[in-house]
């Protein structure tokens, strides 16, 4: 669900990964999307149930039951006690890393790739060029005024669990996924590769 108010935390990928009927049921409710949007906008500092009730005008019973469902599905986590201000006694909920543009791969297919050791070789081949591409993208967006508004928020939105900005990760996901999508769907070079493997023909 989209908010009419301007957002400080940017959204680059407009989906949540769903792998079970339970997740589909929880996210089929508009309230769940409304609360998730609020949690994403709160960023790494998180938000309390009371804050959600006050801001979104949602009854307490609905807020608590929705937060319980989202927590059970690991869409959110509790802000660590040892990193909170001592005066802050209330539970703060944070949007989990797995919801920021994460995708799902079939478990058997994933296991087969791991078993063959292909991930290690792919990482070795891809890491350096991908980091080079992302550096160029960040530099380009930083130096062009019309693109600066799309850059992730710096310094103030670091996850207390993984110590990484989920917003910045989603920016990278979106950039790379779009590039991969264009290569697979639009490039003649990729089609020629598929033809060579017997997975495409010259005719449409």
Protein backbone atom coordinates (compact mmCIF):
# COMPACT_ATOMS: atom_id res chain seq x y z
CA UNK A 1 0.00 0.00 0.00
CA UNK A 2 1.39 3.41 -0.95
CA UNK A 3 1.45 6.34 1.44
CA UNK A 4 0.41 9.78 0.23
CA UNK A 5 3.07 11.41 2.41
CA UNK A 6 6.63 11.95 1.18
CA UNK A 7 8.96 9.20 2.33
CA UNK A 8 12.39 9.55 3.90
CA UNK A 9 13.23 5.88 3.47
CA UNK A 10 13.12 4.99 -0.22
CA UNK A 11 11.48 1.95 -1.79
CA UNK A 12 13.21 0.43 -4.81
CA UNK A 13 11.48 -2.96 -5.08
CA UNK A 14 7.72 -3.08 -4.62
CA UNK A 15 7.20 -6.64 -3.49
CA UNK A 16 7.52 -8.96 -0.52
CA UNK A 17 8.77 -12.54 -0.97
CA UNK A 18 6.02 -15.09 -0.34
CA UNK A 19 6.80 -18.80 0.03
CA UNK A 20 3.77 -20.20 1.88
CA UNK A 21 -0.05 -19.93 2.05
CA UNK A 22 0.31 -18.52 5.59
CA UNK A 23 2.43 -15.63 4.32
CA UNK A 24 -0.01 -15.04 1.48
CA UNK A 25 -2.90 -14.95 3.96
CA UNK A 26 -1.18 -12.42 6.25
CA UNK A 27 -0.13 -10.16 3.37
CA UNK A 28 -3.53 -10.36 1.70
CA UNK A 29 -4.76 -7.92 4.35
CA UNK A 30 -4.43 -4.22 3.55
CA UNK A 31 -3.67 -3.47 7.22
CA UNK A 32 -0.57 -5.69 7.07
CA UNK A 33 0.77 -3.70 4.10
CA UNK A 34 -0.03 -0.45 5.90
CA UNK A 35 1.88 -1.55 8.98
CA UNK A 36 4.78 -2.93 6.94
CA UNK A 37 5.03 0.34 5.05
CA UNK A 38 5.19 2.19 8.39
CA UNK A 39 7.88 -0.18 9.64
CA UNK A 40 9.95 0.29 6.51
CA UNK A 41 9.64 4.05 6.83
CA UNK A 42 10.78 3.89 10.47
CA UNK A 43 13.98 2.28 9.24
CA UNK A 44 16.62 0.88 11.60
CA UNK A 45 15.31 2.69 14.69
CA UNK A 46 12.08 0.71 14.53
CA UNK A 47 8.67 1.70 15.81
CA UNK A 48 6.48 0.78 18.80
CA UNK A 49 2.99 -0.69 18.60
CA UNK A 50 1.69 2.49 20.24
CA UNK A 51 3.33 4.63 17.54
CA UNK A 52 1.61 2.57 14.85
CA UNK A 53 -1.80 2.91 16.54
CA UNK A 54 -1.40 6.66 16.87
CA UNK A 55 -0.04 7.34 13.38
CA UNK A 56 -2.11 4.88 11.35
CA UNK A 57 -5.32 5.12 13.45
CA UNK A 58 -5.57 1.33 13.72
CA UNK A 59 -7.20 -0.42 16.74
CA UNK A 60 -4.75 -1.93 19.24
CA UNK A 61 -6.06 -5.48 18.82
CA UNK A 62 -5.43 -5.35 15.05
CA UNK A 63 -1.96 -3.85 15.47
CA UNK A 64 -0.85 -6.43 18.02
CA UNK A 65 -2.26 -9.40 16.09
CA UNK A 66 -0.66 -8.19 12.84
CA UNK A 67 2.71 -7.56 14.52
CA UNK A 68 2.50 -11.06 16.03
CA UNK A 69 1.92 -12.57 12.58
CA UNK A 70 4.71 -10.55 10.96
CA UNK A 71 7.11 -11.45 13.78
CA UNK A 72 6.23 -15.15 13.53
CA UNK A 73 6.93 -15.06 9.78
CA UNK A 74 10.24 -13.24 10.45
CA UNK A 75 9.20 -10.16 8.50
CA UNK A 76 10.08 -8.07 11.53
CA UNK A 77 12.30 -8.39 14.60
CA UNK A 78 12.59 -6.70 18.00
CA UNK A 79 15.17 -3.95 18.38
CA UNK A 80 17.95 -5.50 20.55
CA UNK A 81 17.71 -4.52 24.23
CA UNK A 82 21.45 -3.98 24.60
CA UNK A 83 21.40 -1.36 21.84
CA UNK A 84 18.44 0.64 23.13
CA UNK A 85 18.53 3.68 25.35
CA UNK A 86 18.13 2.55 28.98
CA UNK A 87 15.11 4.81 29.36
CA UNK A 88 13.40 3.17 26.39
CA UNK A 89 11.36 0.35 27.94
CA UNK A 90 8.94 -0.24 25.08
CA UNK A 91 9.35 -2.92 22.43
CA UNK A 92 10.43 -1.51 19.09
CA UNK A 93 9.76 -3.47 15.91
CA UNK A 94 12.14 -3.28 12.94
CA UNK A 95 11.56 -4.42 9.36
CA UNK A 96 13.76 -7.48 8.79
CA UNK A 97 16.48 -7.66 6.17
CA UNK A 98 14.69 -10.46 4.31
CA UNK A 99 11.81 -8.18 3.32
CA UNK A 100 13.93 -5.52 1.63
CA UNK A 101 13.85 -6.72 -1.95
CA UNK A 102 14.64 -10.32 -1.03
CA UNK A 103 13.70 -13.11 -3.40
CA UNK A 104 13.14 -16.85 -3.00
CA UNK A 105 14.87 -19.69 -4.85
CA UNK A 106 13.48 -23.22 -4.91
CA UNK A 107 15.16 -25.09 -2.04
CA UNK A 108 16.05 -28.22 -4.05
CA UNK A 109 17.54 -26.15 -6.88
CA UNK A 110 19.47 -24.04 -4.35
CA UNK A 111 20.81 -27.19 -2.64
CA UNK A 112 21.90 -28.66 -6.00
CA UNK A 113 23.91 -25.55 -6.86
CA UNK A 114 25.52 -25.55 -3.40
CA UNK A 115 26.34 -29.26 -3.62
CA UNK A 116 28.21 -28.75 -6.89
CA UNK A 117 30.18 -25.86 -5.41
CA UNK A 118 28.94 -23.52 -8.15
CA UNK A 119 28.19 -20.63 -5.79
CA UNK A 120 31.85 -20.32 -4.82
CA UNK A 121 33.02 -20.17 -8.44
CA UNK A 122 30.24 -17.74 -9.40
CA UNK A 123 31.09 -15.50 -6.43
CA UNK A 124 34.74 -15.51 -7.43
CA UNK A 125 33.92 -14.50 -11.01
CA UNK A 126 31.15 -12.00 -10.25
CA UNK A 127 32.19 -10.20 -7.06
CA UNK A 128 34.80 -7.84 -8.50
CA UNK A 129 32.84 -6.75 -11.62
CA UNK A 130 29.61 -6.34 -9.62
CA UNK A 131 31.32 -4.16 -7.00
CA UNK A 132 32.86 -2.12 -9.83
CA UNK A 133 29.42 -1.63 -11.41
CA UNK A 134 27.83 -0.63 -8.09
CA UNK A 135 30.65 1.84 -7.40
CA UNK A 136 30.02 3.47 -10.78
CA UNK A 137 26.27 3.60 -10.08
CA UNK A 138 26.73 5.19 -6.65
CA UNK A 139 29.25 7.68 -8.06
CA UNK A 140 26.93 8.55 -10.94
CA UNK A 141 23.93 9.07 -8.65
CA UNK A 142 26.05 11.13 -6.23
CA UNK A 143 27.34 13.52 -8.89
CA UNK A 144 24.14 14.12 -10.83
CA UNK A 145 21.69 16.40 -9.06
CA UNK A 146 18.60 14.87 -10.68
CA UNK A 147 19.63 11.41 -9.41
CA UNK A 148 20.70 12.30 -5.86
CA UNK A 149 17.14 12.03 -4.54
CA UNK A 150 17.18 8.29 -5.29
CA UNK A 151 20.25 7.54 -3.16
CA UNK A 152 19.70 5.60 0.09
CA UNK A 153 19.81 7.49 3.38
CA UNK A 154 23.34 7.57 4.80
CA UNK A 155 24.54 6.75 8.34
CA UNK A 156 21.21 7.09 10.14
CA UNK A 157 19.56 3.89 8.92
CA UNK A 158 21.97 1.09 9.88
CA UNK A 159 20.28 -2.14 11.03
CA UNK A 160 21.07 -2.94 14.69
CA UNK A 161 21.28 -6.66 13.86
CA UNK A 162 23.33 -6.95 10.65
CA UNK A 163 24.98 -3.48 10.84
CA UNK A 164 24.06 -2.80 7.20
CA UNK A 165 21.54 -0.38 5.70
CA UNK A 166 18.65 -2.45 4.33
CA UNK A 167 17.71 0.54 2.19
CA UNK A 168 21.16 0.53 0.54
CA UNK A 169 20.93 -3.23 0.01
CA UNK A 170 17.58 -2.82 -1.73
CA UNK A 171 19.05 -0.07 -3.94
CA UNK A 172 21.75 -2.55 -5.02
CA UNK A 173 19.24 -5.38 -5.49
CA UNK A 174 17.03 -3.20 -7.68
CA UNK A 175 19.94 -1.96 -9.80
CA UNK A 176 21.39 -5.40 -10.45
CA UNK A 177 18.07 -7.22 -10.86
CA UNK A 178 16.92 -4.71 -13.47
CA UNK A 179 20.20 -5.05 -15.37
CA UNK A 180 19.96 -8.85 -15.29
CA UNK A 181 16.33 -8.70 -16.41
CA UNK A 182 17.25 -6.54 -19.41
CA UNK A 183 20.12 -8.88 -20.34
CA UNK A 184 17.89 -11.96 -20.19
CA UNK A 185 14.83 -10.48 -21.91
CA UNK A 186 16.25 -7.95 -24.36
CA UNK A 187 19.83 -8.77 -25.36
CA UNK A 188 20.61 -10.55 -28.63
CA UNK A 189 23.80 -11.89 -27.02
CA UNK A 190 21.78 -13.79 -24.41
CA UNK A 191 19.45 -15.17 -27.05
CA UNK A 192 22.42 -16.42 -29.07
CA UNK A 193 23.69 -18.12 -25.93
CA UNK A 194 20.34 -19.92 -25.48
CA UNK A 195 20.33 -20.91 -29.17
CA UNK A 196 23.78 -22.44 -28.72
CA UNK A 197 22.44 -24.53 -25.83
CA UNK A 198 19.29 -25.59 -27.70
CA UNK A 199 16.88 -23.46 -25.63
CA UNK A 200 15.84 -20.96 -28.34
CA UNK A 201 15.47 -20.70 -32.11
CA UNK A 202 16.08 -17.98 -34.64
CA UNK A 203 12.37 -17.81 -35.45
CA UNK A 204 9.85 -16.04 -33.21
